[in-house]
Protein backbone atom coordinates (compact mmCIF):
# COMPACT_ATOMS: atom_id res chain seq x y z
CA MET A 1 -0.07 0.01 0.03
CA THR A 2 1.28 3.47 -0.80
CA GLY A 3 -0.62 5.24 2.12
CA VAL A 4 -2.85 7.13 -0.30
CA PRO A 5 -6.58 6.97 0.91
CA ALA A 6 -9.05 5.55 -1.41
CA PRO A 7 -11.17 7.98 -3.34
CA ASP A 8 -14.24 7.10 -1.41
CA ALA A 9 -12.57 7.02 2.03
CA PRO A 10 -13.30 9.75 4.56
CA GLY A 11 -10.87 12.50 4.36
CA ALA A 12 -9.90 11.77 0.73
CA PRO A 13 -9.89 14.76 -1.47
CA GLY A 14 -12.79 14.90 -3.79
CA LYS A 15 -14.42 17.15 -6.13
CA GLN A 16 -16.46 19.03 -3.49
CA GLU A 17 -13.35 19.84 -1.75
CA ALA A 18 -11.61 21.01 -4.83
CA VAL A 19 -14.53 23.27 -5.69
CA THR A 20 -14.62 24.81 -2.24
CA ALA A 21 -10.80 25.35 -2.25
CA SER A 22 -11.12 27.28 -5.52
CA ALA A 23 -14.12 29.18 -4.41
CA ASP A 24 -12.10 30.33 -1.30
CA LEU A 25 -9.48 31.86 -3.47
CA THR A 26 -12.01 34.26 -5.29
CA ALA A 27 -14.29 34.79 -2.25
CA HIS A 28 -12.09 37.54 -0.57
CA PRO A 29 -11.04 40.06 -3.10
CA VAL A 30 -8.21 42.54 -2.25
CA VAL A 31 -9.77 45.36 -0.45
CA GLY A 32 -9.04 48.81 -2.10
CA ALA A 33 -7.26 47.54 -5.24
CA SER A 34 -8.69 49.11 -8.38
CA PRO A 35 -7.98 47.75 -11.69
CA ARG A 36 -6.16 51.11 -12.54
CA ARG A 37 -3.86 50.78 -9.58
CA THR A 38 -3.12 47.23 -10.35
CA LEU A 39 -2.35 48.12 -13.92
CA GLY A 40 -0.02 50.81 -12.58
CA VAL A 41 1.83 48.53 -10.49
CA LEU A 42 2.29 46.16 -13.21
CA LEU A 43 3.56 48.82 -15.54
CA VAL A 44 5.94 50.23 -13.01
CA MET A 45 7.39 46.75 -12.29
CA CYS A 46 7.61 45.77 -15.95
CA GLY A 47 9.66 49.03 -16.47
CA SER A 48 11.88 48.28 -13.52
CA VAL A 49 12.57 44.91 -14.98
CA MET A 50 13.38 46.33 -18.32
CA CYS A 51 15.89 48.90 -16.69
CA VAL A 52 17.56 46.06 -14.73
CA GLN A 53 17.99 44.10 -17.85
CA SER A 54 19.52 46.74 -19.74
CA LEU A 55 22.03 47.38 -16.82
CA VAL A 56 22.82 43.68 -16.70
CA ALA A 57 23.43 43.81 -20.52
CA ALA A 58 25.93 46.86 -20.06
CA ILE A 59 27.78 45.06 -17.32
CA ASN A 60 28.18 42.04 -19.42
CA LEU A 61 29.42 44.12 -22.22
CA ALA A 62 31.87 45.78 -19.89
CA MET A 63 33.38 42.43 -18.77
CA PRO A 64 36.31 42.38 -21.30
CA LYS A 65 37.28 45.88 -20.13
CA LEU A 66 37.12 44.87 -16.53
CA SER A 67 39.23 41.77 -17.13
CA ALA A 68 41.82 43.96 -19.00
CA SER A 69 41.94 46.53 -16.33
CA CYS A 70 44.94 47.16 -14.08
CA LEU A 71 43.23 45.15 -11.32
CA HIS A 72 43.45 41.87 -13.32
CA PRO A 73 40.62 40.20 -11.53
CA SER A 74 40.36 36.30 -11.74
CA PRO A 75 37.25 34.79 -13.29
CA THR A 76 35.80 34.14 -9.73
CA GLN A 77 36.37 37.94 -8.95
CA LEU A 78 34.63 38.90 -12.23
CA LEU A 79 31.56 36.56 -11.37
CA TRP A 80 31.49 38.35 -7.87
CA ILE A 81 31.64 41.73 -9.48
CA VAL A 82 29.08 41.01 -11.96
CA ASP A 83 26.66 39.33 -9.29
CA SER A 84 26.99 41.97 -6.77
CA TYR A 85 26.36 44.67 -9.35
CA VAL A 86 23.14 42.76 -10.51
CA MET A 87 21.92 42.33 -6.98
CA MET A 88 22.55 45.82 -6.01
CA THR A 89 20.78 47.04 -9.27
CA ILE A 90 17.79 44.84 -8.78
CA THR A 91 17.36 45.73 -5.09
CA SER A 92 17.77 49.55 -5.57
CA THR A 93 15.51 49.76 -8.70
CA ASP A 94 12.62 47.49 -7.78
CA TRP A 95 12.44 48.16 -4.12
CA SER A 96 12.66 51.96 -4.42
CA VAL A 97 10.05 51.99 -7.07
CA PHE A 98 7.90 49.57 -5.23
CA ILE A 99 7.90 51.47 -2.06
CA ARG A 100 7.43 54.77 -3.79
CA HIS A 101 4.15 53.31 -5.62
CA VAL A 102 2.77 51.50 -2.60
CA ARG A 103 3.01 54.56 -0.36
CA SER A 104 1.21 56.87 -2.72
CA PRO A 105 -2.40 57.14 -1.95
């Protein structure tokens, strides 16, 4: 036996429970979220992602100059440079935009 209850056993998931679970997801709408505000948040976040992607592309294009610089970073150090730049860019761009938009009435 696999330990899975039979479909007709008490406590086994059935069609009625699945319908109830999906009904619970739509039963409580987000209070105060207008479609216009939701669209605004979506557009702001998409713009942030596009900004971050362009900055990541720029740092990837700058990698040959970084590796040829007077610091002569190893491949591991280059990886850390790029990863830290990407994390700082994502954090500063998305978080500041998110906070600014959420706090606005």
